[in-house]
């Protein structure tokens, strides 16, 4: 866990968290709990976790409880952050007979999309908030700017450099590297900017593999798109 004043502190650039983000405080957040037995206790989790920020949250106790539960569902590819931290969950709508969870995949064809649908529906059902269904909204396209400040801090704490702010400019996901060398990143472990990119891809297509020349440790960078 990252503590303020640790070697990680120099890497907590405002560019990683967006304007006004206090990542030094957020970096001390504990990681999301893992494990298959997440159903038990989720009603109590719903009473403790703050509501995540969203673009169109429905009103009402049922939708509020659903948002709290969804904030505990980890992303299957980056389990240090939740699906809400990544900005994948765009809306929760209470239709009376069922909840509708609106999802925007990180990119078309993302192999984790089906697993995310399964995990969120299982979590809502285990919390007694079902029945529920998931629908996909592909426009506007997902952007790394939707990652919350808490999500960026959790990424950094587990050794993944979060993406910088994209803003209004479109950033396509490139499968061939650009001719120009990428700008240096601060190492998430020692804070040194003496780093180099080893590969355009890491454990997933949305991350690149880097290495620190100071501490010699490898790390990943979540690409801005």
C-alpha atoms as a PDB file:
ATOM      1  CA  UNK A   1       0.000   0.000   0.000  1.00  0.00           C
ATOM      2  CA  UNK A   2       1.366   3.409  -0.901  1.00  0.00           C
ATOM      3  CA  UNK A   3       1.795   5.891   1.920  1.00  0.00           C
ATOM      4  CA  UNK A   4       2.396   9.627   1.609  1.00  0.00           C
ATOM      5  CA  UNK A   5       6.092  10.454   1.677  1.00  0.00           C
ATOM      6  CA  UNK A   6       7.116   7.087   0.238  1.00  0.00           C
ATOM      7  CA  UNK A   7       9.298   6.747  -2.896  1.00  0.00           C
ATOM      8  CA  UNK A   8       6.041   6.603  -4.859  1.00  0.00           C
ATOM      9  CA  UNK A   9       5.158  10.181  -4.013  1.00  0.00           C
ATOM     10  CA  UNK A  10       7.171  11.788  -6.897  1.00  0.00           C
ATOM     11  CA  UNK A  11       5.204   9.673  -9.378  1.00  0.00           C
ATOM     12  CA  UNK A  12       1.863  11.079  -8.217  1.00  0.00           C
ATOM     13  CA  UNK A  13       1.702  13.722 -10.916  1.00  0.00           C
ATOM     14  CA  UNK A  14      -1.528  15.746 -11.335  1.00  0.00           C
ATOM     15  CA  UNK A  15      -1.468  14.532 -14.947  1.00  0.00           C
ATOM     16  CA  UNK A  16      -2.235  11.038 -13.700  1.00  0.00           C
ATOM     17  CA  UNK A  17      -5.409  12.017 -11.904  1.00  0.00           C
ATOM     18  CA  UNK A  18      -6.809  14.954 -13.801  1.00  0.00           C
ATOM     19  CA  UNK A  19      -7.320  18.493 -12.631  1.00  0.00           C
ATOM     20  CA  UNK A  20      -7.800  18.895  -8.909  1.00  0.00           C
ATOM     21  CA  UNK A  21      -7.199  15.228  -8.023  1.00  0.00           C
ATOM     22  CA  UNK A  22      -5.488  14.677  -4.659  1.00  0.00           C
ATOM     23  CA  UNK A  23      -3.741  11.417  -5.506  1.00  0.00           C
ATOM     24  CA  UNK A  24      -1.398  11.591  -2.515  1.00  0.00           C
ATOM     25  CA  UNK A  25      -4.388  11.008  -0.268  1.00  0.00           C
ATOM     26  CA  UNK A  26      -6.072   8.595  -2.644  1.00  0.00           C
ATOM     27  CA  UNK A  27      -2.972   6.433  -3.076  1.00  0.00           C
ATOM     28  CA  UNK A  28      -3.450   5.191   0.467  1.00  0.00           C
ATOM     29  CA  UNK A  29      -6.764   3.583  -0.465  1.00  0.00           C
ATOM     30  CA  UNK A  30      -6.805  -0.183   0.140  1.00  0.00           C
ATOM     31  CA  UNK A  31      -7.181  -2.475  -2.885  1.00  0.00           C
ATOM     32  CA  UNK A  32     -10.544  -3.938  -3.736  1.00  0.00           C
ATOM     33  CA  UNK A  33     -11.289  -7.267  -2.004  1.00  0.00           C
ATOM     34  CA  UNK A  34     -10.920 -10.297  -4.251  1.00  0.00           C
ATOM     35  CA  UNK A  35     -12.435 -13.757  -4.160  1.00  0.00           C
ATOM     36  CA  UNK A  36     -15.463 -15.712  -5.285  1.00  0.00           C
ATOM     37  CA  UNK A  37     -17.505 -15.290  -2.107  1.00  0.00           C
ATOM     38  CA  UNK A  38     -18.351 -11.638  -2.777  1.00  0.00           C
ATOM     39  CA  UNK A  39     -22.096 -12.142  -2.505  1.00  0.00           C
ATOM     40  CA  UNK A  40     -22.227 -12.384   1.298  1.00  0.00           C
ATOM     41  CA  UNK A  41     -21.997  -9.075   3.038  1.00  0.00           C
ATOM     42  CA  UNK A  42     -22.692  -6.968  -0.029  1.00  0.00           C
ATOM     43  CA  UNK A  43     -25.799  -5.502   1.556  1.00  0.00           C
ATOM     44  CA  UNK A  44     -23.582  -4.206   4.367  1.00  0.00           C
ATOM     45  CA  UNK A  45     -21.055  -2.992   1.779  1.00  0.00           C
ATOM     46  CA  UNK A  46     -23.865  -1.048   0.146  1.00  0.00           C
ATOM     47  CA  UNK A  47     -24.359   0.858   3.373  1.00  0.00           C
ATOM     48  CA  UNK A  48     -20.676   1.767   3.712  1.00  0.00           C
ATOM     49  CA  UNK A  49     -19.294   2.604   0.283  1.00  0.00           C
ATOM     50  CA  UNK A  50     -19.770   6.111  -1.147  1.00  0.00           C
ATOM     51  CA  UNK A  51     -21.687   6.470  -4.370  1.00  0.00           C
ATOM     52  CA  UNK A  52     -19.392   6.666  -7.423  1.00  0.00           C
ATOM     53  CA  UNK A  53     -19.603   9.570  -9.815  1.00  0.00           C
ATOM     54  CA  UNK A  54     -21.648   8.849 -12.913  1.00  0.00           C
ATOM     55  CA  UNK A  55     -23.192  10.660 -15.849  1.00  0.00           C
ATOM     56  CA  UNK A  56     -26.813   9.673 -15.402  1.00  0.00           C
ATOM     57  CA  UNK A  57     -27.421   7.970 -12.064  1.00  0.00           C
ATOM     58  CA  UNK A  58     -31.048   7.183 -11.476  1.00  0.00           C
ATOM     59  CA  UNK A  59     -32.660   8.324  -8.246  1.00  0.00           C
ATOM     60  CA  UNK A  60     -34.066   6.026  -5.609  1.00  0.00           C
ATOM     61  CA  UNK A  61     -32.843   3.652  -2.941  1.00  0.00           C
ATOM     62  CA  UNK A  62     -32.637   0.661  -5.250  1.00  0.00           C
ATOM     63  CA  UNK A  63     -30.430   2.406  -7.814  1.00  0.00           C
ATOM     64  CA  UNK A  64     -28.299   3.964  -5.060  1.00  0.00           C
ATOM     65  CA  UNK A  65     -27.740   0.521  -3.527  1.00  0.00           C
ATOM     66  CA  UNK A  66     -26.928  -0.879  -6.983  1.00  0.00           C
ATOM     67  CA  UNK A  67     -24.256   1.782  -7.540  1.00  0.00           C
ATOM     68  CA  UNK A  68     -22.666   0.903  -4.205  1.00  0.00           C
ATOM     69  CA  UNK A  69     -22.610  -2.790  -5.074  1.00  0.00           C
ATOM     70  CA  UNK A  70     -21.166  -2.121  -8.529  1.00  0.00           C
ATOM     71  CA  UNK A  71     -18.376  -0.127  -6.889  1.00  0.00           C
ATOM     72  CA  UNK A  72     -17.207  -3.421  -5.309  1.00  0.00           C
ATOM     73  CA  UNK A  73     -17.091  -5.412  -8.570  1.00  0.00           C
ATOM     74  CA  UNK A  74     -13.463  -5.621  -9.800  1.00  0.00           C
ATOM     75  CA  UNK A  75     -12.481  -5.349 -13.429  1.00  0.00           C
ATOM     76  CA  UNK A  76     -11.511  -8.896 -14.499  1.00  0.00           C
ATOM     77  CA  UNK A  77      -8.358  -7.738 -16.318  1.00  0.00           C
ATOM     78  CA  UNK A  78      -7.231  -5.140 -13.752  1.00  0.00           C
ATOM     79  CA  UNK A  79      -8.758  -6.374 -10.453  1.00  0.00           C
ATOM     80  CA  UNK A  80      -7.161  -3.570  -8.425  1.00  0.00           C
ATOM     81  CA  UNK A  81      -9.898  -1.249  -9.701  1.00  0.00           C
ATOM     82  CA  UNK A  82     -13.667  -1.600  -9.933  1.00  0.00           C
ATOM     83  CA  UNK A  83     -15.814  -1.414 -13.036  1.00  0.00           C
ATOM     84  CA  UNK A  84     -17.083   1.918 -11.674  1.00  0.00           C
ATOM     85  CA  UNK A  85     -13.523   3.192 -11.159  1.00  0.00           C
ATOM     86  CA  UNK A  86     -12.863   2.533 -14.845  1.00  0.00           C
ATOM     87  CA  UNK A  87     -15.983   4.396 -15.914  1.00  0.00           C
ATOM     88  CA  UNK A  88     -17.410   1.334 -17.654  1.00  0.00           C
ATOM     89  CA  UNK A  89     -20.755   1.603 -15.822  1.00  0.00           C
ATOM     90  CA  UNK A  90     -22.557   4.595 -17.346  1.00  0.00           C
ATOM     91  CA  UNK A  91     -26.021   4.354 -15.833  1.00  0.00           C
ATOM     92  CA  UNK A  92     -28.336   2.287 -13.644  1.00  0.00           C
ATOM     93  CA  UNK A  93     -32.028   2.477 -14.467  1.00  0.00           C
ATOM     94  CA  UNK A  94     -34.818   1.086 -12.295  1.00  0.00           C
ATOM     95  CA  UNK A  95     -37.624  -0.152 -14.547  1.00  0.00           C
ATOM     96  CA  UNK A  96     -39.656  -1.423 -11.607  1.00  0.00           C
ATOM     97  CA  UNK A  97     -39.623  -5.075 -12.604  1.00  0.00           C
ATOM     98  CA  UNK A  98     -35.842  -5.082 -13.200  1.00  0.00           C
ATOM     99  CA  UNK A  99     -32.694  -2.990 -13.047  1.00  0.00           C
ATOM    100  CA  UNK A 100     -30.882  -2.063 -16.243  1.00  0.00           C
ATOM    101  CA  UNK A 101     -27.122  -1.487 -16.043  1.00  0.00           C
ATOM    102  CA  UNK A 102     -25.718   0.446 -18.990  1.00  0.00           C
ATOM    103  CA  UNK A 103     -22.114  -0.450 -19.856  1.00  0.00           C
ATOM    104  CA  UNK A 104     -19.629   1.086 -22.277  1.00  0.00           C
ATOM    105  CA  UNK A 105     -16.787  -1.359 -23.088  1.00  0.00           C
ATOM    106  CA  UNK A 106     -13.267   0.015 -23.021  1.00  0.00           C
ATOM    107  CA  UNK A 107     -13.010  -0.813 -26.721  1.00  0.00           C
ATOM    108  CA  UNK A 108     -15.018  -2.793 -29.246  1.00  0.00           C
ATOM    109  CA  UNK A 109     -14.230  -6.476 -29.034  1.00  0.00           C
ATOM    110  CA  UNK A 110     -12.800  -6.287 -25.511  1.00  0.00           C
ATOM    111  CA  UNK A 111     -12.663  -9.940 -24.374  1.00  0.00           C
ATOM    112  CA  UNK A 112     -13.567  -8.970 -20.795  1.00  0.00           C
ATOM    113  CA  UNK A 113     -16.974  -7.492 -21.695  1.00  0.00           C
ATOM    114  CA  UNK A 114     -18.895 -10.751 -21.267  1.00  0.00           C
ATOM    115  CA  UNK A 115     -17.146 -11.483 -17.963  1.00  0.00           C
ATOM    116  CA  UNK A 116     -17.988  -7.978 -16.706  1.00  0.00           C
ATOM    117  CA  UNK A 117     -21.674  -8.450 -17.573  1.00  0.00           C
ATOM    118  CA  UNK A 118     -21.704 -11.767 -15.726  1.00  0.00           C
ATOM    119  CA  UNK A 119     -19.942 -10.383 -12.640  1.00  0.00           C
ATOM    120  CA  UNK A 120     -22.169  -7.322 -12.215  1.00  0.00           C
ATOM    121  CA  UNK A 121     -25.394  -9.285 -12.650  1.00  0.00           C
ATOM    122  CA  UNK A 122     -24.209 -11.916 -10.178  1.00  0.00           C
ATOM    123  CA  UNK A 123     -23.256  -9.223  -7.642  1.00  0.00           C
ATOM    124  CA  UNK A 124     -26.619  -7.467  -7.928  1.00  0.00           C
ATOM    125  CA  UNK A 125     -28.495 -10.752  -7.629  1.00  0.00           C
ATOM    126  CA  UNK A 126     -26.442 -11.791  -4.572  1.00  0.00           C
ATOM    127  CA  UNK A 127     -27.300  -8.456  -2.939  1.00  0.00           C
ATOM    128  CA  UNK A 128     -31.018  -9.031  -3.486  1.00  0.00           C
ATOM    129  CA  UNK A 129     -31.309  -6.249  -6.073  1.00  0.00           C
ATOM    130  CA  UNK A 130     -32.208  -8.438  -9.044  1.00  0.00           C
ATOM    131  CA  UNK A 131     -33.511  -9.222 -11.481  1.00  0.00           C
ATOM    132  CA  UNK A 132     -31.140  -7.120 -13.551  1.00  0.00           C
ATOM    133  CA  UNK A 133     -29.949  -6.961 -17.127  1.00  0.00           C
ATOM    134  CA  UNK A 134     -26.959  -5.345 -18.826  1.00  0.00           C
ATOM    135  CA  UNK A 135     -27.080  -3.326 -22.032  1.00  0.00           C
ATOM    136  CA  UNK A 136     -24.139  -2.000 -24.038  1.00  0.00           C
ATOM    137  CA  UNK A 137     -23.782   1.637 -25.081  1.00  0.00           C
ATOM    138  CA  UNK A 138     -20.911   2.060 -27.535  1.00  0.00           C
ATOM    139  CA  UNK A 139     -21.380   5.761 -28.283  1.00  0.00           C
ATOM    140  CA  UNK A 140     -19.865   7.931 -27.055  1.00  0.00           C
ATOM    141  CA  UNK A 141     -16.826   5.682 -26.987  1.00  0.00           C
ATOM    142  CA  UNK A 142     -15.115   4.960 -23.693  1.00  0.00           C
ATOM    143  CA  UNK A 143     -12.095   7.103 -22.855  1.00  0.00           C
ATOM    144  CA  UNK A 144      -9.467   6.813 -20.144  1.00  0.00           C
ATOM    145  CA  UNK A 145     -10.614  10.249 -18.944  1.00  0.00           C
ATOM    146  CA  UNK A 146     -13.571   8.373 -17.413  1.00  0.00           C
ATOM    147  CA  UNK A 147     -11.259   6.590 -14.946  1.00  0.00           C
ATOM    148  CA  UNK A 148     -11.928   8.058 -11.514  1.00  0.00           C
ATOM    149  CA  UNK A 149      -9.252   9.686  -9.354  1.00  0.00           C
ATOM    150  CA  UNK A 150      -9.605   6.764  -6.932  1.00  0.00           C
ATOM    151  CA  UNK A 151      -9.122   4.337  -9.812  1.00  0.00           C
ATOM    152  CA  UNK A 152      -5.962   6.117 -10.961  1.00  0.00           C
ATOM    153  CA  UNK A 153      -4.566   5.993  -7.437  1.00  0.00           C
ATOM    154  CA  UNK A 154      -5.324   2.261  -7.169  1.00  0.00           C
ATOM    155  CA  UNK A 155      -3.598   1.625 -10.514  1.00  0.00           C
ATOM    156  CA  UNK A 156      -0.494   3.469  -9.363  1.00  0.00           C
ATOM    157  CA  UNK A 157      -0.484   1.671  -6.024  1.00  0.00           C
ATOM    158  CA  UNK A 158      -0.349  -1.716  -7.769  1.00  0.00           C
ATOM    159  CA  UNK A 159       2.478  -0.666 -10.109  1.00  0.00           C
ATOM    160  CA  UNK A 160       0.535   0.460 -13.193  1.00  0.00           C
ATOM    161  CA  UNK A 161       1.144   4.029 -14.346  1.00  0.00           C
ATOM    162  CA  UNK A 162      -2.294   5.574 -14.979  1.00  0.00           C
ATOM    163  CA  UNK A 163      -3.004   7.364 -18.263  1.00  0.00           C
ATOM    164  CA  UNK A 164      -2.639  11.074 -18.674  1.00  0.00           C
ATOM    165  CA  UNK A 165      -5.595  13.292 -19.452  1.00  0.00           C
ATOM    166  CA  UNK A 166      -6.820  13.043 -23.041  1.00  0.00           C
ATOM    167  CA  UNK A 167      -9.225  15.993 -23.007  1.00  0.00           C
ATOM    168  CA  UNK A 168     -11.175  16.694 -26.164  1.00  0.00           C
ATOM    169  CA  UNK A 169      -8.603  15.249 -28.556  1.00  0.00           C
ATOM    170  CA  UNK A 170      -9.313  11.755 -29.881  1.00  0.00           C
ATOM    171  CA  UNK A 171      -6.578   9.212 -29.122  1.00  0.00           C
ATOM    172  CA  UNK A 172      -6.900   6.031 -31.210  1.00  0.00           C
ATOM    173  CA  UNK A 173      -5.595   2.758 -29.817  1.00  0.00           C
ATOM    174  CA  UNK A 174      -2.608   1.977 -32.042  1.00  0.00           C
ATOM    175  CA  UNK A 175      -1.527  -1.576 -32.751  1.00  0.00           C
ATOM    176  CA  UNK A 176       1.699  -0.421 -34.454  1.00  0.00           C
ATOM    177  CA  UNK A 177       4.086   1.840 -32.534  1.00  0.00           C
ATOM    178  CA  UNK A 178       4.647   5.408 -33.667  1.00  0.00           C
ATOM    179  CA  UNK A 179       8.011   6.382 -35.119  1.00  0.00           C
ATOM    180  CA  UNK A 180       8.614   8.978 -32.390  1.00  0.00           C
ATOM    181  CA  UNK A 181       9.768   7.709 -29.015  1.00  0.00           C
ATOM    182  CA  UNK A 182       7.127   8.031 -26.264  1.00  0.00           C
ATOM    183  CA  UNK A 183       7.666  10.577 -23.513  1.00  0.00           C
ATOM    184  CA  UNK A 184       9.333   9.240 -20.384  1.00  0.00           C
ATOM    185  CA  UNK A 185       7.118   8.122 -17.515  1.00  0.00           C
ATOM    186  CA  UNK A 186       7.841   8.294 -13.807  1.00  0.00           C
ATOM    187  CA  UNK A 187       8.483   4.854 -12.346  1.00  0.00           C
ATOM    188  CA  UNK A 188       5.595   3.890 -10.026  1.00  0.00           C
ATOM    189  CA  UNK A 189       8.040   2.204  -7.645  1.00  0.00           C
ATOM    190  CA  UNK A 190      10.970   4.629  -7.217  1.00  0.00           C
ATOM    191  CA  UNK A 191       9.707   7.775  -8.970  1.00  0.00           C
ATOM    192  CA  UNK A 192      12.635   8.016 -11.387  1.00  0.00           C
ATOM    193  CA  UNK A 193      11.952   9.350 -14.880  1.00  0.00           C
ATOM    194  CA  UNK A 194      14.829   7.312 -16.311  1.00  0.00           C
ATOM    195  CA  UNK A 195      12.465   4.844 -17.928  1.00  0.00           C
ATOM    196  CA  UNK A 196      12.046   3.223 -21.320  1.00  0.00           C
ATOM    197  CA  UNK A 197       9.273   1.404 -23.132  1.00  0.00           C
ATOM    198  CA  UNK A 198       9.995  -2.242 -23.839  1.00  0.00           C
ATOM    199  CA  UNK A 199       6.837  -3.185 -25.734  1.00  0.00           C
ATOM    200  CA  UNK A 200       3.712  -1.479 -27.052  1.00  0.00           C
ATOM    201  CA  UNK A 201       1.586  -4.074 -25.258  1.00  0.00           C
ATOM    202  CA  UNK A 202       1.527  -5.517 -21.772  1.00  0.00           C
ATOM    203  CA  UNK A 203      -0.721  -8.092 -20.167  1.00  0.00           C
ATOM    204  CA  UNK A 204      -3.660  -6.545 -22.075  1.00  0.00           C
ATOM    205  CA  UNK A 205      -3.986  -4.489 -25.266  1.00  0.00           C
ATOM    206  CA  UNK A 206      -4.743  -1.330 -23.278  1.00  0.00           C
ATOM    207  CA  UNK A 207      -1.379  -1.379 -21.468  1.00  0.00           C
ATOM    208  CA  UNK A 208       2.263  -1.026 -22.572  1.00  0.00           C
ATOM    209  CA  UNK A 209       5.321  -2.587 -20.913  1.00  0.00           C
ATOM    210  CA  UNK A 210       8.011  -0.273 -19.522  1.00  0.00           C
ATOM    211  CA  UNK A 211      11.205  -0.621 -17.486  1.00  0.00           C
ATOM    212  CA  UNK A 212      12.864   1.689 -14.989  1.00  0.00           C
ATOM    213  CA  UNK A 213      16.582   2.206 -15.621  1.00  0.00           C
ATOM    214  CA  UNK A 214      17.140   3.344 -12.024  1.00  0.00           C
ATOM    215  CA  UNK A 215      15.610   0.506  -9.992  1.00  0.00           C
ATOM    216  CA  UNK A 216      15.548  -1.918 -12.976  1.00  0.00           C
ATOM    217  CA  UNK A 217      11.956  -2.927 -12.236  1.00  0.00           C
ATOM    218  CA  UNK A 218       9.448  -3.467 -15.061  1.00  0.00           C
ATOM    219  CA  UNK A 219       6.028  -1.818 -14.933  1.00  0.00           C
ATOM    220  CA  UNK A 220       2.989  -1.260 -17.107  1.00  0.00           C
ATOM    221  CA  UNK A 221       1.415   1.939 -18.439  1.00  0.00           C
ATOM    222  CA  UNK A 222      -2.316   2.247 -19.031  1.00  0.00           C
ATOM    223  CA  UNK A 223      -2.481   3.903 -22.456  1.00  0.00           C
ATOM    224  CA  UNK A 224      -4.523   7.105 -22.804  1.00  0.00           C
ATOM    225  CA  UNK A 225      -7.321   6.737 -25.357  1.00  0.00           C
END
